[in-house]
């Protein structure tokens, strides 16, 4: 009986503390829309990012950081063709037999490489969450379980430690995290 009560309490407490409303009563999803997605006319919504946390356990902040680094938070022009294919995390195509690939709508050839394409923004964000949770045998979930977030460990696999620009990519991730954390704090959110 004590074990069941402990598990139930843990399940009830985490959702209430991990994605809170701000002191003004604005929800996390509303803040994300206002601050990040609507100004960019992004097809991504705050609710999609919050769902990535609820469904896959990936905190809101690292999702934002990665989306910013990969597709400018889904900006239709700056994010490139993969935004139009609803592949906001720039996931390379590795077949439809993965937890994220089964959601794909085939593949698209961009810049000399195969990439996943997804039928809608919602499905693309679901695939992104699944990939971060189970991709590379759970590596991403491990390095993104923070704070602190292990951006070097993330980038070493996601971007490639030996790929030119690795250090600049890590710096961009760290810079986005600092900026977005400060913007959230100014709005009354503690990330």
C-alpha atoms as a PDB file:
ATOM      1  CA  UNK A   1       0.000   0.000   0.000  1.00  0.00           C
ATOM      2  CA  UNK A   2       2.776   2.467   0.855  1.00  0.00           C
ATOM      3  CA  UNK A   3       4.474   1.871  -2.502  1.00  0.00           C
ATOM      4  CA  UNK A   4       1.271   2.616  -4.411  1.00  0.00           C
ATOM      5  CA  UNK A   5       0.706   5.841  -2.484  1.00  0.00           C
ATOM      6  CA  UNK A   6       4.290   6.973  -3.112  1.00  0.00           C
ATOM      7  CA  UNK A   7       4.007   6.340  -6.837  1.00  0.00           C
ATOM      8  CA  UNK A   8       0.678   8.136  -7.077  1.00  0.00           C
ATOM      9  CA  UNK A   9       2.034  11.145  -5.190  1.00  0.00           C
ATOM     10  CA  UNK A  10       5.103  11.315  -7.429  1.00  0.00           C
ATOM     11  CA  UNK A  11       2.939  11.245 -10.530  1.00  0.00           C
ATOM     12  CA  UNK A  12       0.650  13.963  -9.193  1.00  0.00           C
ATOM     13  CA  UNK A  13       3.373  16.299  -7.905  1.00  0.00           C
ATOM     14  CA  UNK A  14       5.696  16.319 -10.941  1.00  0.00           C
ATOM     15  CA  UNK A  15       3.168  17.657 -13.491  1.00  0.00           C
ATOM     16  CA  UNK A  16       2.142  20.424 -11.123  1.00  0.00           C
ATOM     17  CA  UNK A  17       5.682  21.654 -10.545  1.00  0.00           C
ATOM     18  CA  UNK A  18       7.477  21.044 -13.856  1.00  0.00           C
ATOM     19  CA  UNK A  19       5.268  23.109 -16.196  1.00  0.00           C
ATOM     20  CA  UNK A  20       3.736  25.779 -13.966  1.00  0.00           C
ATOM     21  CA  UNK A  21       1.803  28.878 -14.746  1.00  0.00           C
ATOM     22  CA  UNK A  22       3.578  32.154 -14.114  1.00  0.00           C
ATOM     23  CA  UNK A  23       2.756  34.439 -11.228  1.00  0.00           C
ATOM     24  CA  UNK A  24       0.468  36.331 -13.638  1.00  0.00           C
ATOM     25  CA  UNK A  25      -1.470  33.129 -14.316  1.00  0.00           C
ATOM     26  CA  UNK A  26      -0.218  32.730 -17.889  1.00  0.00           C
ATOM     27  CA  UNK A  27       0.318  29.072 -18.782  1.00  0.00           C
ATOM     28  CA  UNK A  28       3.611  27.787 -20.135  1.00  0.00           C
ATOM     29  CA  UNK A  29       1.996  27.099 -23.521  1.00  0.00           C
ATOM     30  CA  UNK A  30       0.607  30.648 -23.700  1.00  0.00           C
ATOM     31  CA  UNK A  31       4.013  32.097 -22.809  1.00  0.00           C
ATOM     32  CA  UNK A  32       5.761  29.994 -25.463  1.00  0.00           C
ATOM     33  CA  UNK A  33       3.270  31.076 -28.101  1.00  0.00           C
ATOM     34  CA  UNK A  34       3.522  34.763 -27.188  1.00  0.00           C
ATOM     35  CA  UNK A  35       7.275  34.910 -26.703  1.00  0.00           C
ATOM     36  CA  UNK A  36       8.658  32.457 -29.266  1.00  0.00           C
ATOM     37  CA  UNK A  37       6.285  30.967 -31.822  1.00  0.00           C
ATOM     38  CA  UNK A  38       3.715  33.582 -32.885  1.00  0.00           C
ATOM     39  CA  UNK A  39       6.306  36.335 -33.528  1.00  0.00           C
ATOM     40  CA  UNK A  40       8.030  33.932 -35.945  1.00  0.00           C
ATOM     41  CA  UNK A  41       4.785  32.762 -37.555  1.00  0.00           C
ATOM     42  CA  UNK A  42       5.925  29.267 -36.607  1.00  0.00           C
ATOM     43  CA  UNK A  43       3.698  26.242 -37.160  1.00  0.00           C
ATOM     44  CA  UNK A  44       4.937  24.992 -33.769  1.00  0.00           C
ATOM     45  CA  UNK A  45       2.740  25.854 -30.783  1.00  0.00           C
ATOM     46  CA  UNK A  46       3.445  26.092 -27.091  1.00  0.00           C
ATOM     47  CA  UNK A  47       1.002  23.239 -26.499  1.00  0.00           C
ATOM     48  CA  UNK A  48       3.105  20.984 -28.750  1.00  0.00           C
ATOM     49  CA  UNK A  49       6.234  21.690 -26.706  1.00  0.00           C
ATOM     50  CA  UNK A  50       4.396  21.196 -23.401  1.00  0.00           C
ATOM     51  CA  UNK A  51       3.042  17.900 -24.768  1.00  0.00           C
ATOM     52  CA  UNK A  52       6.621  16.862 -25.542  1.00  0.00           C
ATOM     53  CA  UNK A  53       7.352  17.289 -21.856  1.00  0.00           C
ATOM     54  CA  UNK A  54       4.169  15.516 -20.714  1.00  0.00           C
ATOM     55  CA  UNK A  55       4.370  12.599 -23.135  1.00  0.00           C
ATOM     56  CA  UNK A  56       8.120  12.048 -23.439  1.00  0.00           C
ATOM     57  CA  UNK A  57       9.672  13.665 -20.368  1.00  0.00           C
ATOM     58  CA  UNK A  58      11.765  16.216 -22.283  1.00  0.00           C
ATOM     59  CA  UNK A  59      11.816  19.539 -20.418  1.00  0.00           C
ATOM     60  CA  UNK A  60      10.447  22.569 -22.237  1.00  0.00           C
ATOM     61  CA  UNK A  61      13.722  24.521 -22.182  1.00  0.00           C
ATOM     62  CA  UNK A  62      15.943  21.984 -23.978  1.00  0.00           C
ATOM     63  CA  UNK A  63      13.249  21.451 -26.602  1.00  0.00           C
ATOM     64  CA  UNK A  64      13.219  25.209 -27.275  1.00  0.00           C
ATOM     65  CA  UNK A  65      17.003  25.369 -27.409  1.00  0.00           C
ATOM     66  CA  UNK A  66      17.278  22.532 -29.931  1.00  0.00           C
ATOM     67  CA  UNK A  67      14.419  23.874 -32.060  1.00  0.00           C
ATOM     68  CA  UNK A  68      16.110  27.286 -32.110  1.00  0.00           C
ATOM     69  CA  UNK A  69      19.458  25.832 -33.153  1.00  0.00           C
ATOM     70  CA  UNK A  70      18.003  23.545 -35.814  1.00  0.00           C
ATOM     71  CA  UNK A  71      15.139  25.479 -37.463  1.00  0.00           C
ATOM     72  CA  UNK A  72      14.980  28.911 -35.819  1.00  0.00           C
ATOM     73  CA  UNK A  73      12.004  27.730 -33.749  1.00  0.00           C
ATOM     74  CA  UNK A  74      10.153  26.682 -36.878  1.00  0.00           C
ATOM     75  CA  UNK A  75      10.478  30.032 -38.655  1.00  0.00           C
ATOM     76  CA  UNK A  76       9.020  29.464 -42.154  1.00  0.00           C
ATOM     77  CA  UNK A  77      11.890  31.251 -43.937  1.00  0.00           C
ATOM     78  CA  UNK A  78      14.881  31.043 -41.593  1.00  0.00           C
ATOM     79  CA  UNK A  79      14.164  27.436 -40.654  1.00  0.00           C
ATOM     80  CA  UNK A  80      14.571  26.198 -44.207  1.00  0.00           C
ATOM     81  CA  UNK A  81      12.794  23.524 -46.184  1.00  0.00           C
ATOM     82  CA  UNK A  82      12.625  21.111 -43.251  1.00  0.00           C
ATOM     83  CA  UNK A  83      10.163  23.443 -41.544  1.00  0.00           C
ATOM     84  CA  UNK A  84       7.840  22.975 -44.531  1.00  0.00           C
ATOM     85  CA  UNK A  85       8.270  19.209 -44.080  1.00  0.00           C
ATOM     86  CA  UNK A  86       7.408  19.526 -40.346  1.00  0.00           C
ATOM     87  CA  UNK A  87      10.840  18.188 -39.348  1.00  0.00           C
ATOM     88  CA  UNK A  88      11.641  20.881 -36.793  1.00  0.00           C
ATOM     89  CA  UNK A  89      14.471  18.949 -35.132  1.00  0.00           C
ATOM     90  CA  UNK A  90      16.278  18.236 -38.427  1.00  0.00           C
ATOM     91  CA  UNK A  91      16.100  14.469 -37.985  1.00  0.00           C
ATOM     92  CA  UNK A  92      17.938  12.469 -40.651  1.00  0.00           C
ATOM     93  CA  UNK A  93      15.982   9.695 -42.348  1.00  0.00           C
ATOM     94  CA  UNK A  94      16.729   6.209 -40.987  1.00  0.00           C
ATOM     95  CA  UNK A  95      13.595   4.385 -42.078  1.00  0.00           C
ATOM     96  CA  UNK A  96      10.037   4.085 -40.873  1.00  0.00           C
ATOM     97  CA  UNK A  97      10.692   1.245 -38.431  1.00  0.00           C
ATOM     98  CA  UNK A  98      11.638   3.440 -35.459  1.00  0.00           C
ATOM     99  CA  UNK A  99       9.338   4.931 -32.814  1.00  0.00           C
ATOM    100  CA  UNK A 100       9.635   8.334 -34.518  1.00  0.00           C
ATOM    101  CA  UNK A 101       9.981   7.090 -38.093  1.00  0.00           C
ATOM    102  CA  UNK A 102       6.648   5.286 -37.950  1.00  0.00           C
ATOM    103  CA  UNK A 103       5.056   8.743 -37.799  1.00  0.00           C
ATOM    104  CA  UNK A 104       6.815   9.909 -40.953  1.00  0.00           C
ATOM    105  CA  UNK A 105       5.271  10.662 -44.281  1.00  0.00           C
ATOM    106  CA  UNK A 106       8.311   9.479 -46.208  1.00  0.00           C
ATOM    107  CA  UNK A 107      11.501  11.385 -46.765  1.00  0.00           C
ATOM    108  CA  UNK A 108      12.772  14.454 -48.515  1.00  0.00           C
ATOM    109  CA  UNK A 109      16.168  15.155 -50.082  1.00  0.00           C
ATOM    110  CA  UNK A 110      17.656  18.457 -48.858  1.00  0.00           C
ATOM    111  CA  UNK A 111      21.263  19.633 -49.114  1.00  0.00           C
ATOM    112  CA  UNK A 112      22.435  16.244 -50.331  1.00  0.00           C
ATOM    113  CA  UNK A 113      20.897  14.236 -47.478  1.00  0.00           C
ATOM    114  CA  UNK A 114      17.709  12.307 -46.690  1.00  0.00           C
ATOM    115  CA  UNK A 115      15.503  13.769 -43.948  1.00  0.00           C
ATOM    116  CA  UNK A 116      12.202  12.728 -42.433  1.00  0.00           C
ATOM    117  CA  UNK A 117       9.051  14.501 -43.508  1.00  0.00           C
ATOM    118  CA  UNK A 118       5.899  14.520 -41.404  1.00  0.00           C
ATOM    119  CA  UNK A 119       2.273  15.117 -42.401  1.00  0.00           C
ATOM    120  CA  UNK A 120       1.621  17.939 -39.895  1.00  0.00           C
ATOM    121  CA  UNK A 121       3.315  20.118 -37.310  1.00  0.00           C
ATOM    122  CA  UNK A 122       1.686  18.121 -34.488  1.00  0.00           C
ATOM    123  CA  UNK A 123       3.005  14.834 -35.846  1.00  0.00           C
ATOM    124  CA  UNK A 124       6.433  16.343 -36.496  1.00  0.00           C
ATOM    125  CA  UNK A 125       6.670  17.501 -32.884  1.00  0.00           C
ATOM    126  CA  UNK A 126       5.516  14.083 -31.644  1.00  0.00           C
ATOM    127  CA  UNK A 127       8.294  12.479 -33.679  1.00  0.00           C
ATOM    128  CA  UNK A 128      10.809  14.992 -32.298  1.00  0.00           C
ATOM    129  CA  UNK A 129       9.763  14.136 -28.727  1.00  0.00           C
ATOM    130  CA  UNK A 130       9.970  10.413 -29.386  1.00  0.00           C
ATOM    131  CA  UNK A 131      13.397  10.816 -30.949  1.00  0.00           C
ATOM    132  CA  UNK A 132      14.726  12.776 -27.981  1.00  0.00           C
ATOM    133  CA  UNK A 133      13.325  10.171 -25.596  1.00  0.00           C
ATOM    134  CA  UNK A 134      14.488   6.927 -27.216  1.00  0.00           C
ATOM    135  CA  UNK A 135      16.897   7.908 -29.992  1.00  0.00           C
ATOM    136  CA  UNK A 136      20.461   6.686 -29.668  1.00  0.00           C
ATOM    137  CA  UNK A 137      19.340   4.218 -26.999  1.00  0.00           C
ATOM    138  CA  UNK A 138      18.098   6.955 -24.677  1.00  0.00           C
ATOM    139  CA  UNK A 139      21.275   9.058 -24.875  1.00  0.00           C
ATOM    140  CA  UNK A 140      19.409  12.313 -25.532  1.00  0.00           C
ATOM    141  CA  UNK A 141      16.974  11.792 -22.662  1.00  0.00           C
ATOM    142  CA  UNK A 142      19.923  11.197 -20.345  1.00  0.00           C
ATOM    143  CA  UNK A 143      21.902  14.301 -21.352  1.00  0.00           C
ATOM    144  CA  UNK A 144      18.771  16.481 -21.422  1.00  0.00           C
ATOM    145  CA  UNK A 145      17.635  15.432 -17.941  1.00  0.00           C
ATOM    146  CA  UNK A 146      18.548  18.522 -16.035  1.00  0.00           C
ATOM    147  CA  UNK A 147      19.122  21.194 -15.315  1.00  0.00           C
ATOM    148  CA  UNK A 148      21.997  21.374 -15.828  1.00  0.00           C
ATOM    149  CA  UNK A 149      21.732  20.116 -19.398  1.00  0.00           C
ATOM    150  CA  UNK A 150      24.775  18.441 -20.941  1.00  0.00           C
ATOM    151  CA  UNK A 151      24.990  20.383 -24.203  1.00  0.00           C
ATOM    152  CA  UNK A 152      28.408  18.956 -25.080  1.00  0.00           C
ATOM    153  CA  UNK A 153      27.119  15.417 -24.619  1.00  0.00           C
ATOM    154  CA  UNK A 154      24.037  16.242 -26.660  1.00  0.00           C
ATOM    155  CA  UNK A 155      25.929  17.943 -29.489  1.00  0.00           C
ATOM    156  CA  UNK A 156      28.605  15.232 -29.659  1.00  0.00           C
ATOM    157  CA  UNK A 157      25.972  12.807 -30.925  1.00  0.00           C
ATOM    158  CA  UNK A 158      23.251  15.012 -32.445  1.00  0.00           C
ATOM    159  CA  UNK A 159      25.640  17.285 -34.362  1.00  0.00           C
ATOM    160  CA  UNK A 160      28.866  15.258 -34.276  1.00  0.00           C
ATOM    161  CA  UNK A 161      31.906  15.923 -32.096  1.00  0.00           C
ATOM    162  CA  UNK A 162      34.279  15.755 -35.083  1.00  0.00           C
ATOM    163  CA  UNK A 163      32.115  17.812 -37.441  1.00  0.00           C
ATOM    164  CA  UNK A 164      33.469  21.295 -38.225  1.00  0.00           C
ATOM    165  CA  UNK A 165      31.474  23.849 -36.257  1.00  0.00           C
ATOM    166  CA  UNK A 166      30.938  21.600 -33.219  1.00  0.00           C
ATOM    167  CA  UNK A 167      32.242  24.176 -30.710  1.00  0.00           C
ATOM    168  CA  UNK A 168      30.170  26.946 -32.284  1.00  0.00           C
ATOM    169  CA  UNK A 169      27.073  24.706 -32.136  1.00  0.00           C
ATOM    170  CA  UNK A 170      27.639  24.008 -28.423  1.00  0.00           C
ATOM    171  CA  UNK A 171      28.090  27.757 -27.800  1.00  0.00           C
ATOM    172  CA  UNK A 172      24.834  28.497 -29.628  1.00  0.00           C
ATOM    173  CA  UNK A 173      22.973  25.912 -27.510  1.00  0.00           C
ATOM    174  CA  UNK A 174      24.391  27.404 -24.312  1.00  0.00           C
ATOM    175  CA  UNK A 175      23.550  30.931 -25.459  1.00  0.00           C
ATOM    176  CA  UNK A 176      19.965  30.009 -26.346  1.00  0.00           C
ATOM    177  CA  UNK A 177      19.554  28.344 -22.952  1.00  0.00           C
ATOM    178  CA  UNK A 178      20.775  31.420 -21.064  1.00  0.00           C
ATOM    179  CA  UNK A 179      18.610  33.774 -23.140  1.00  0.00           C
ATOM    180  CA  UNK A 180      15.446  31.692 -22.918  1.00  0.00           C
ATOM    181  CA  UNK A 181      15.870  31.003 -19.213  1.00  0.00           C
ATOM    182  CA  UNK A 182      16.206  34.754 -18.574  1.00  0.00           C
ATOM    183  CA  UNK A 183      13.155  35.570 -20.721  1.00  0.00           C
ATOM    184  CA  UNK A 184      11.129  32.951 -18.855  1.00  0.00           C
ATOM    185  CA  UNK A 185      12.276  34.340 -15.482  1.00  0.00           C
ATOM    186  CA  UNK A 186      11.240  37.857 -16.540  1.00  0.00           C
ATOM    187  CA  UNK A 187       7.767  36.477 -17.238  1.00  0.00           C
ATOM    188  CA  UNK A 188       7.601  34.718 -13.873  1.00  0.00           C
ATOM    189  CA  UNK A 189       8.639  31.190 -14.896  1.00  0.00           C
ATOM    190  CA  UNK A 190      11.448  29.254 -13.231  1.00  0.00           C
ATOM    191  CA  UNK A 191      13.119  26.862 -15.675  1.00  0.00           C
END
